[in-house]
Amino acid sequence: DSIRLSFYDNGIVDGDSISVFLNNQLILSHQELTTQALNIYIRLDSSKEINEVSMFAENLGKYPPNTAVMIVNDGDSRYEVFMSSDFKGNATVRFKRKKTS
């Protein structure tokens, strides 16, 4: 039911800052991306078939677009997602829970 999301600047650290939304609710605001992990622990909404995490570019840093690596850890597995956003579009990842038998 819970996952850890870790955000890093992808490439050159150039002052990118982001806000993060879970199911259209703000969960992280105006945070700068660096080589150090920006960790968020979230609980997925079990009443929804799909949960969405969106990254919104607060700025474009020195070298547009705003790019990040999001590491998803569900306790058993680790996934890397490369994300990019600018002032025209956001990056969104959809999570679908596996049904256990």
Protein backbone atom coordinates (compact mmCIF):
# COMPACT_ATOMS: atom_id res chain seq x y z
CA ASP A 1 0.00 0.00 0.00
CA SER A 2 2.98 2.32 0.49
CA ILE A 3 5.91 3.25 -1.71
CA ARG A 4 8.97 5.44 -1.44
CA LEU A 5 9.68 7.91 -4.21
CA SER A 6 13.18 9.37 -4.46
CA PHE A 7 13.81 12.28 -6.83
CA TYR A 8 17.23 13.33 -8.18
CA ASP A 9 18.31 15.82 -10.81
CA ASN A 10 18.94 13.89 -14.03
CA GLY A 11 22.20 15.01 -15.58
CA ILE A 12 23.84 18.26 -14.58
CA VAL A 13 22.58 19.81 -11.34
CA ASP A 14 21.36 23.13 -12.69
CA GLY A 15 18.81 24.46 -10.21
CA ASP A 16 15.72 22.52 -11.32
CA SER A 17 12.90 22.70 -8.78
CA ILE A 18 9.70 20.68 -8.78
CA SER A 19 6.35 20.19 -7.12
CA VAL A 20 4.83 16.70 -6.90
CA PHE A 21 1.17 15.72 -6.89
CA LEU A 22 -0.48 12.44 -5.90
CA ASN A 23 -3.92 12.04 -7.46
CA ASN A 24 -4.01 15.81 -8.10
CA GLN A 25 -3.19 16.62 -4.45
CA LEU A 26 0.01 18.57 -3.73
CA ILE A 27 2.42 16.45 -1.66
CA LEU A 28 5.72 18.28 -2.28
CA SER A 29 6.14 21.96 -3.09
CA HIS A 30 8.97 23.93 -4.71
CA GLN A 31 11.83 21.53 -3.92
CA GLU A 32 15.20 21.81 -5.66
CA LEU A 33 16.63 18.68 -7.26
CA THR A 34 20.24 17.73 -6.49
CA THR A 35 22.41 14.62 -6.37
CA GLN A 36 20.98 13.90 -2.90
CA ALA A 37 17.71 11.99 -2.76
CA LEU A 38 14.54 13.93 -2.17
CA ASN A 39 12.47 11.18 -0.51
CA ILE A 40 8.70 11.02 -0.23
CA TYR A 41 6.80 8.17 1.39
CA ILE A 42 3.26 7.84 0.08
CA ARG A 43 0.29 5.62 0.73
CA LEU A 44 -1.56 4.63 -2.41
CA ASP A 45 -5.33 5.08 -2.35
CA SER A 46 -6.69 1.52 -2.26
CA SER A 47 -10.13 2.71 -3.41
CA LYS A 48 -8.65 3.73 -6.78
CA GLU A 49 -7.66 1.29 -9.50
CA ILE A 50 -4.89 3.67 -10.62
CA ASN A 51 -2.92 6.23 -8.59
CA GLU A 52 -1.11 9.02 -10.42
CA VAL A 53 2.09 10.84 -9.44
CA SER A 54 2.80 14.00 -11.43
CA MET A 55 5.95 16.14 -11.48
CA PHE A 56 5.44 19.83 -12.21
CA ALA A 57 8.36 22.07 -13.23
CA GLU A 58 8.54 25.12 -10.97
CA ASN A 59 11.44 26.40 -13.07
CA LEU A 60 13.59 25.08 -15.91
CA GLY A 61 16.98 25.44 -14.24
CA LYS A 62 19.95 26.58 -16.25
CA TYR A 63 19.43 23.95 -18.98
CA PRO A 64 15.78 23.33 -19.98
CA PRO A 65 13.75 21.20 -19.71
CA ASN A 66 13.40 20.24 -16.04
CA THR A 67 14.60 16.64 -15.81
CA ALA A 68 14.53 14.19 -12.93
CA VAL A 69 15.07 10.56 -12.11
CA MET A 70 12.39 9.12 -9.87
CA ILE A 71 13.32 5.91 -8.04
CA VAL A 72 10.28 3.91 -6.95
CA ASN A 73 10.77 1.40 -4.15
CA ASP A 74 7.82 -0.77 -3.12
CA GLY A 75 9.70 -2.75 -0.49
CA ASP A 76 10.44 -5.64 -2.85
CA SER A 77 11.45 -4.00 -6.12
CA ARG A 78 13.20 -0.87 -7.32
CA TYR A 79 12.29 0.97 -10.53
CA GLU A 80 13.91 3.96 -12.25
CA VAL A 81 11.71 6.42 -14.11
CA PHE A 82 13.19 9.26 -16.16
CA MET A 83 10.91 12.30 -16.07
CA SER A 84 10.91 15.58 -17.94
CA SER A 85 8.64 18.61 -17.68
CA ASP A 86 8.49 22.21 -18.77
CA PHE A 87 5.96 25.02 -18.66
CA LYS A 88 3.84 23.32 -21.34
CA GLY A 89 3.66 19.77 -19.97
CA ASN A 90 4.08 17.71 -16.83
CA ALA A 91 5.43 14.21 -16.32
CA THR A 92 2.94 11.70 -14.90
CA VAL A 93 3.37 8.09 -13.81
CA ARG A 94 0.41 5.80 -13.17
CA PHE A 95 0.58 3.07 -10.54
CA LYS A 96 -1.73 0.09 -10.68
CA ARG A 97 -1.75 -2.17 -7.65
CA LYS A 98 -1.25 -5.88 -8.20
CA LYS A 99 -3.99 -8.04 -6.84
CA THR A 100 -2.77 -10.61 -4.35
CA SER A 101 -4.34 -14.02 -4.18
